[in-house]
Amino acid sequence: YLTKPFHPEELAARVEVLLRRAGKD
């Protein structure tokens, strides 16, 4: 869960973490 406003770098970092955690990356 990410609150607005947010920095694109933080969003991208969270996306990468979730993909790794899901074992899809």
PDB file of all heavy atoms in Angstrom:
ATOM      1  N   TYR A   1       0.871  -1.174   0.000  1.00  0.00           N
ATOM      2  CA  TYR A   1       0.000   0.000   0.000  1.00  0.00           C
ATOM      3  C   TYR A   1       0.905   1.220   0.000  1.00  0.00           C
ATOM      4  O   TYR A   1       1.695   1.397   0.914  1.00  0.00           O
ATOM      5  CB  TYR A   1      -0.883  -0.044   1.253  1.00  0.00           C
ATOM      6  CG  TYR A   1      -2.016   0.967   1.312  1.00  0.00           C
ATOM      7  CD1 TYR A   1      -3.334   0.563   1.160  1.00  0.00           C
ATOM      8  CD2 TYR A   1      -1.767   2.316   1.555  1.00  0.00           C
ATOM      9  CE1 TYR A   1      -4.382   1.474   1.232  1.00  0.00           C
ATOM     10  CE2 TYR A   1      -2.806   3.235   1.628  1.00  0.00           C
ATOM     11  CZ  TYR A   1      -4.117   2.804   1.467  1.00  0.00           C
ATOM     12  OH  TYR A   1      -5.148   3.704   1.544  1.00  0.00           O
ATOM     13  N   LEU A   2       0.789   2.062  -1.018  1.00  0.00           N
ATOM     14  CA  LEU A   2       1.630   3.252  -1.152  1.00  0.00           C
ATOM     15  C   LEU A   2       0.738   4.479  -1.174  1.00  0.00           C
ATOM     16  O   LEU A   2      -0.201   4.568  -1.961  1.00  0.00           O
ATOM     17  CB  LEU A   2       2.458   3.165  -2.444  1.00  0.00           C
ATOM     18  CG  LEU A   2       3.414   4.323  -2.764  1.00  0.00           C
ATOM     19  CD1 LEU A   2       4.446   4.495  -1.651  1.00  0.00           C
ATOM     20  CD2 LEU A   2       4.100   4.084  -4.099  1.00  0.00           C
ATOM     21  N   THR A   3       1.036   5.448  -0.296  1.00  0.00           N
ATOM     22  CA  THR A   3       0.205   6.647  -0.218  1.00  0.00           C
ATOM     23  C   THR A   3       0.707   7.727  -1.170  1.00  0.00           C
ATOM     24  O   THR A   3       1.903   7.842  -1.438  1.00  0.00           O
ATOM     25  CB  THR A   3       0.172   7.208   1.215  1.00  0.00           C
ATOM     26  OG1 THR A   3       1.512   7.442   1.665  1.00  0.00           O
ATOM     27  CG2 THR A   3      -0.506   6.238   2.160  1.00  0.00           C
ATOM     28  N   LYS A   4      -0.233   8.495  -1.692  1.00  0.00           N
ATOM     29  CA  LYS A   4       0.081   9.634  -2.552  1.00  0.00           C
ATOM     30  C   LYS A   4       0.296  10.870  -1.680  1.00  0.00           C
ATOM     31  O   LYS A   4      -0.351  10.999  -0.644  1.00  0.00           O
ATOM     32  CB  LYS A   4      -1.078   9.900  -3.522  1.00  0.00           C
ATOM     33  CG  LYS A   4      -1.378   8.769  -4.489  1.00  0.00           C
ATOM     34  CD  LYS A   4      -2.584   9.141  -5.352  1.00  0.00           C
ATOM     35  CE  LYS A   4      -2.905   8.058  -6.370  1.00  0.00           C
ATOM     36  NZ  LYS A   4      -4.097   8.410  -7.185  1.00  0.00           N
ATOM     37  N   PRO A   5       1.159  11.805  -2.126  1.00  0.00           N
ATOM     38  CA  PRO A   5       2.004  11.725  -3.335  1.00  0.00           C
ATOM     39  C   PRO A   5       3.195  10.806  -3.096  1.00  0.00           C
ATOM     40  O   PRO A   5       3.635  10.636  -1.957  1.00  0.00           O
ATOM     41  CB  PRO A   5       2.458  13.177  -3.528  1.00  0.00           C
ATOM     42  CG  PRO A   5       2.465  13.747  -2.145  1.00  0.00           C
ATOM     43  CD  PRO A   5       1.331  13.085  -1.413  1.00  0.00           C
ATOM     44  N   PHE A   6       3.717  10.226  -4.167  1.00  0.00           N
ATOM     45  CA  PHE A   6       4.847   9.327  -4.049  1.00  0.00           C
ATOM     46  C   PHE A   6       5.855   9.664  -5.145  1.00  0.00           C
ATOM     47  O   PHE A   6       5.524  10.288  -6.146  1.00  0.00           O
ATOM     48  CB  PHE A   6       4.416   7.857  -4.184  1.00  0.00           C
ATOM     49  CG  PHE A   6       3.633   7.583  -5.441  1.00  0.00           C
ATOM     50  CD1 PHE A   6       4.274   7.317  -6.642  1.00  0.00           C
ATOM     51  CD2 PHE A   6       2.249   7.617  -5.433  1.00  0.00           C
ATOM     52  CE1 PHE A   6       3.558   7.077  -7.803  1.00  0.00           C
ATOM     53  CE2 PHE A   6       1.519   7.390  -6.584  1.00  0.00           C
ATOM     54  CZ  PHE A   6       2.175   7.121  -7.772  1.00  0.00           C
ATOM     55  N   HIS A   7       7.094   9.241  -4.954  1.00  0.00           N
ATOM     56  CA  HIS A   7       8.137   9.429  -5.959  1.00  0.00           C
ATOM     57  C   HIS A   7       8.155   8.199  -6.869  1.00  0.00           C
ATOM     58  O   HIS A   7       8.037   7.073  -6.384  1.00  0.00           O
ATOM     59  CB  HIS A   7       9.505   9.607  -5.294  1.00  0.00           C
ATOM     60  CG  HIS A   7      10.558  10.119  -6.224  1.00  0.00           C
ATOM     61  ND1 HIS A   7      11.176   9.322  -7.158  1.00  0.00           N
ATOM     62  CD2 HIS A   7      11.088  11.358  -6.379  1.00  0.00           C
ATOM     63  CE1 HIS A   7      12.052  10.035  -7.841  1.00  0.00           C
ATOM     64  NE2 HIS A   7      12.007  11.283  -7.390  1.00  0.00           N
ATOM     65  N   PRO A   8       8.294   8.397  -8.189  1.00  0.00           N
ATOM     66  CA  PRO A   8       8.327   7.249  -9.102  1.00  0.00           C
ATOM     67  C   PRO A   8       9.375   6.206  -8.734  1.00  0.00           C
ATOM     68  O   PRO A   8       9.157   5.010  -8.949  1.00  0.00           O
ATOM     69  CB  PRO A   8       8.641   7.890 -10.460  1.00  0.00           C
ATOM     70  CG  PRO A   8       8.136   9.290 -10.343  1.00  0.00           C
ATOM     71  CD  PRO A   8       8.362   9.674  -8.920  1.00  0.00           C
ATOM     72  N   GLU A   9      10.495   6.631  -8.162  1.00  0.00           N
ATOM     73  CA  GLU A   9      11.539   5.676  -7.777  1.00  0.00           C
ATOM     74  C   GLU A   9      11.031   4.726  -6.699  1.00  0.00           C
ATOM     75  O   GLU A   9      11.363   3.541  -6.695  1.00  0.00           O
ATOM     76  CB  GLU A   9      12.775   6.425  -7.267  1.00  0.00           C
ATOM     77  CG  GLU A   9      13.573   7.137  -8.331  1.00  0.00           C
ATOM     78  CD  GLU A   9      14.387   6.183  -9.197  1.00  0.00           C
ATOM     79  OE1 GLU A   9      14.516   5.001  -8.830  1.00  0.00           O
ATOM     80  OE2 GLU A   9      14.880   6.624 -10.240  1.00  0.00           O
ATOM     81  N   GLU A  10      10.239   5.263  -5.756  1.00  0.00           N
ATOM     82  CA  GLU A  10       9.714   4.411  -4.692  1.00  0.00           C
ATOM     83  C   GLU A  10       8.709   3.413  -5.249  1.00  0.00           C
ATOM     84  O   GLU A  10       8.719   2.233  -4.887  1.00  0.00           O
ATOM     85  CB  GLU A  10       9.062   5.232  -3.588  1.00  0.00           C
ATOM     86  CG  GLU A  10       8.545   4.346  -2.451  1.00  0.00           C
ATOM     87  CD  GLU A  10       7.942   5.115  -1.301  1.00  0.00           C
ATOM     88  OE1 GLU A  10       7.773   6.339  -1.427  1.00  0.00           O
ATOM     89  OE2 GLU A  10       7.627   4.482  -0.275  1.00  0.00           O
ATOM     90  N   LEU A  11       7.846   3.889  -6.137  1.00  0.00           N
ATOM     91  CA  LEU A  11       6.881   2.976  -6.754  1.00  0.00           C
ATOM     92  C   LEU A  11       7.599   1.865  -7.507  1.00  0.00           C
ATOM     93  O   LEU A  11       7.259   0.684  -7.362  1.00  0.00           O
ATOM     94  CB  LEU A  11       5.958   3.742  -7.705  1.00  0.00           C
ATOM     95  CG  LEU A  11       4.974   2.883  -8.513  1.00  0.00           C
ATOM     96  CD1 LEU A  11       4.025   2.113  -7.601  1.00  0.00           C
ATOM     97  CD2 LEU A  11       4.186   3.754  -9.490  1.00  0.00           C
ATOM     98  N   ALA A  12       8.609   2.241  -8.302  1.00  0.00           N
ATOM     99  CA  ALA A  12       9.348   1.244  -9.082  1.00  0.00           C
ATOM    100  C   ALA A  12      10.046   0.236  -8.166  1.00  0.00           C
ATOM    101  O   ALA A  12      10.075  -0.964  -8.456  1.00  0.00           O
ATOM    102  CB  ALA A  12      10.373   1.937  -9.981  1.00  0.00           C
ATOM    103  N   ALA A  13      10.598   0.721  -7.061  1.00  0.00           N
ATOM    104  CA  ALA A  13      11.285  -0.175  -6.123  1.00  0.00           C
ATOM    105  C   ALA A  13      10.304  -1.172  -5.509  1.00  0.00           C
ATOM    106  O   ALA A  13      10.608  -2.357  -5.360  1.00  0.00           O
ATOM    107  CB  ALA A  13      11.962   0.641  -5.022  1.00  0.00           C
ATOM    108  N   ARG A  14       9.122  -0.701  -5.165  1.00  0.00           N
ATOM    109  CA  ARG A  14       8.120  -1.593  -4.575  1.00  0.00           C
ATOM    110  C   ARG A  14       7.620  -2.615  -5.595  1.00  0.00           C
ATOM    111  O   ARG A  14       7.362  -3.779  -5.255  1.00  0.00           O
ATOM    112  CB  ARG A  14       6.957  -0.780  -4.012  1.00  0.00           C
ATOM    113  CG  ARG A  14       7.340   0.023  -2.770  1.00  0.00           C
ATOM    114  CD  ARG A  14       6.157   0.803  -2.252  1.00  0.00           C
ATOM    115  NE  ARG A  14       6.514   1.624  -1.101  1.00  0.00           N
ATOM    116  CZ  ARG A  14       5.886   1.578   0.079  1.00  0.00           C
ATOM    117  NH1 ARG A  14       4.903   0.735   0.264  1.00  0.00           N
ATOM    118  NH2 ARG A  14       6.250   2.374   1.056  1.00  0.00           N
ATOM    119  N   VAL A  15       7.471  -2.195  -6.841  1.00  0.00           N
ATOM    120  CA  VAL A  15       7.075  -3.124  -7.902  1.00  0.00           C
ATOM    121  C   VAL A  15       8.108  -4.236  -8.040  1.00  0.00           C
ATOM    122  O   VAL A  15       7.764  -5.421  -8.114  1.00  0.00           O
ATOM    123  CB  VAL A  15       6.894  -2.369  -9.240  1.00  0.00           C
ATOM    124  CG1 VAL A  15       6.835  -3.352 -10.420  1.00  0.00           C
ATOM    125  CG2 VAL A  15       5.625  -1.517  -9.208  1.00  0.00           C
ATOM    126  N   GLU A  16       9.386  -3.860  -8.065  1.00  0.00           N
ATOM    127  CA  GLU A  16      10.456  -4.859  -8.200  1.00  0.00           C
ATOM    128  C   GLU A  16      10.454  -5.834  -7.030  1.00  0.00           C
ATOM    129  O   GLU A  16      10.629  -7.046  -7.217  1.00  0.00           O
ATOM    130  CB  GLU A  16      11.806  -4.153  -8.306  1.00  0.00           C
ATOM    131  CG  GLU A  16      11.992  -3.396  -9.617  1.00  0.00           C
ATOM    132  CD  GLU A  16      13.323  -2.686  -9.686  1.00  0.00           C
ATOM    133  OE1 GLU A  16      14.180  -2.948  -8.817  1.00  0.00           O
ATOM    134  OE2 GLU A  16      13.509  -1.869 -10.608  1.00  0.00           O
ATOM    135  N   VAL A  17      10.267  -5.318  -5.818  1.00  0.00           N
ATOM    136  CA  VAL A  17      10.243  -6.183  -4.634  1.00  0.00           C
ATOM    137  C   VAL A  17       9.091  -7.176  -4.707  1.00  0.00           C
ATOM    138  O   VAL A  17       9.255  -8.371  -4.431  1.00  0.00           O
ATOM    139  CB  VAL A  17      10.148  -5.336  -3.348  1.00  0.00           C
ATOM    140  CG1 VAL A  17       9.816  -6.215  -2.147  1.00  0.00           C
ATOM    141  CG2 VAL A  17      11.452  -4.592  -3.106  1.00  0.00           C
ATOM    142  N   LEU A  18       7.917  -6.691  -5.090  1.00  0.00           N
ATOM    143  CA  LEU A  18       6.750  -7.579  -5.172  1.00  0.00           C
ATOM    144  C   LEU A  18       6.931  -8.647  -6.236  1.00  0.00           C
ATOM    145  O   LEU A  18       6.537  -9.802  -6.039  1.00  0.00           O
ATOM    146  CB  LEU A  18       5.486  -6.764  -5.448  1.00  0.00           C
ATOM    147  CG  LEU A  18       4.974  -5.901  -4.296  1.00  0.00           C
ATOM    148  CD1 LEU A  18       3.777  -5.070  -4.740  1.00  0.00           C
ATOM    149  CD2 LEU A  18       4.602  -6.757  -3.090  1.00  0.00           C
ATOM    150  N   LEU A  19       7.518  -8.278  -7.356  1.00  0.00           N
ATOM    151  CA  LEU A  19       7.754  -9.262  -8.414  1.00  0.00           C
ATOM    152  C   LEU A  19       8.738 -10.334  -7.961  1.00  0.00           C
ATOM    153  O   LEU A  19       8.558 -11.516  -8.223  1.00  0.00           O
ATOM    154  CB  LEU A  19       8.264  -8.564  -9.679  1.00  0.00           C
ATOM    155  CG  LEU A  19       7.207  -7.793 -10.476  1.00  0.00           C
ATOM    156  CD1 LEU A  19       7.875  -6.943 -11.544  1.00  0.00           C
ATOM    157  CD2 LEU A  19       6.190  -8.734 -11.107  1.00  0.00           C
ATOM    158  N   ARG A  20       9.789  -9.912  -7.273  1.00  0.00           N
ATOM    159  CA  ARG A  20      10.761 -10.895  -6.764  1.00  0.00           C
ATOM    160  C   ARG A  20      10.109 -11.812  -5.734  1.00  0.00           C
ATOM    161  O   ARG A  20      10.315 -13.015  -5.736  1.00  0.00           O
ATOM    162  CB  ARG A  20      11.964 -10.175  -6.141  1.00  0.00           C
ATOM    163  CG  ARG A  20      12.928  -9.582  -7.150  1.00  0.00           C
ATOM    164  CD  ARG A  20      14.290  -9.356  -6.531  1.00  0.00           C
ATOM    165  NE  ARG A  20      14.235  -8.433  -5.403  1.00  0.00           N
ATOM    166  CZ  ARG A  20      14.375  -7.110  -5.500  1.00  0.00           C
ATOM    167  NH1 ARG A  20      14.554  -6.557  -6.681  1.00  0.00           N
ATOM    168  NH2 ARG A  20      14.344  -6.348  -4.426  1.00  0.00           N
ATOM    169  N   ARG A  21       9.331 -11.202  -4.843  1.00  0.00           N
ATOM    170  CA  ARG A  21       8.685 -11.975  -3.781  1.00  0.00           C
ATOM    171  C   ARG A  21       7.716 -13.004  -4.365  1.00  0.00           C
ATOM    172  O   ARG A  21       7.554 -14.103  -3.832  1.00  0.00           O
ATOM    173  CB  ARG A  21       7.938 -11.029  -2.845  1.00  0.00           C
ATOM    174  CG  ARG A  21       7.426 -11.696  -1.567  1.00  0.00           C
ATOM    175  CD  ARG A  21       6.612 -10.716  -0.761  1.00  0.00           C
ATOM    176  NE  ARG A  21       7.369  -9.545  -0.387  1.00  0.00           N
ATOM    177  CZ  ARG A  21       6.814  -8.411   0.030  1.00  0.00           C
ATOM    178  NH1 ARG A  21       5.493  -8.302   0.104  1.00  0.00           N
ATOM    179  NH2 ARG A  21       7.568  -7.384   0.374  1.00  0.00           N
ATOM    180  N   ALA A  22       7.087 -12.637  -5.466  1.00  0.00           N
ATOM    181  CA  ALA A  22       6.123 -13.549  -6.092  1.00  0.00           C
ATOM    182  C   ALA A  22       6.815 -14.663  -6.860  1.00  0.00           C
ATOM    183  O   ALA A  22       6.167 -15.584  -7.347  1.00  0.00           O
ATOM    184  CB  ALA A  22       5.200 -12.765  -7.020  1.00  0.00           C
ATOM    185  N   GLY A  23       8.116 -14.576  -7.000  1.00  0.00           N
ATOM    186  CA  GLY A  23       8.860 -15.607  -7.703  1.00  0.00           C
ATOM    187  C   GLY A  23       8.703 -15.546  -9.198  1.00  0.00           C
ATOM    188  O   GLY A  23       9.023 -16.496  -9.910  1.00  0.00           O
ATOM    189  N   LYS A  24       8.215 -14.396  -9.699  1.00  0.00           N
ATOM    190  CA  LYS A  24       8.010 -14.265 -11.134  1.00  0.00           C
ATOM    191  C   LYS A  24       9.144 -13.532 -11.813  1.00  0.00           C
ATOM    192  O   LYS A  24       9.197 -13.461 -13.028  1.00  0.00           O
ATOM    193  CB  LYS A  24       6.694 -13.517 -11.396  1.00  0.00           C
ATOM    194  CG  LYS A  24       5.462 -14.295 -10.992  1.00  0.00           C
ATOM    195  CD  LYS A  24       4.214 -13.582 -11.465  1.00  0.00           C
ATOM    196  CE  LYS A  24       2.981 -14.425 -11.175  1.00  0.00           C
ATOM    197  NZ  LYS A  24       1.762 -13.817 -11.709  1.00  0.00           N
ATOM    198  N   ASP A  25      10.024 -12.936 -11.006  1.00  0.00           N
ATOM    199  CA  ASP A  25      11.077 -12.114 -11.584  1.00  0.00           C
ATOM    200  C   ASP A  25      12.354 -12.930 -11.693  1.00  0.00           C
ATOM    201  O   ASP A  25      13.259 -12.811 -10.877  1.00  0.00           O
ATOM    202  CB  ASP A  25      11.307 -10.874 -10.714  1.00  0.00           C
ATOM    203  CG  ASP A  25      11.942  -9.753 -11.490  1.00  0.00           C
ATOM    204  OD1 ASP A  25      12.192  -9.937 -12.693  1.00  0.00           O
ATOM    205  OD2 ASP A  25      12.191  -8.698 -10.900  1.00  0.00           O
TER     206      ASP A  25
END
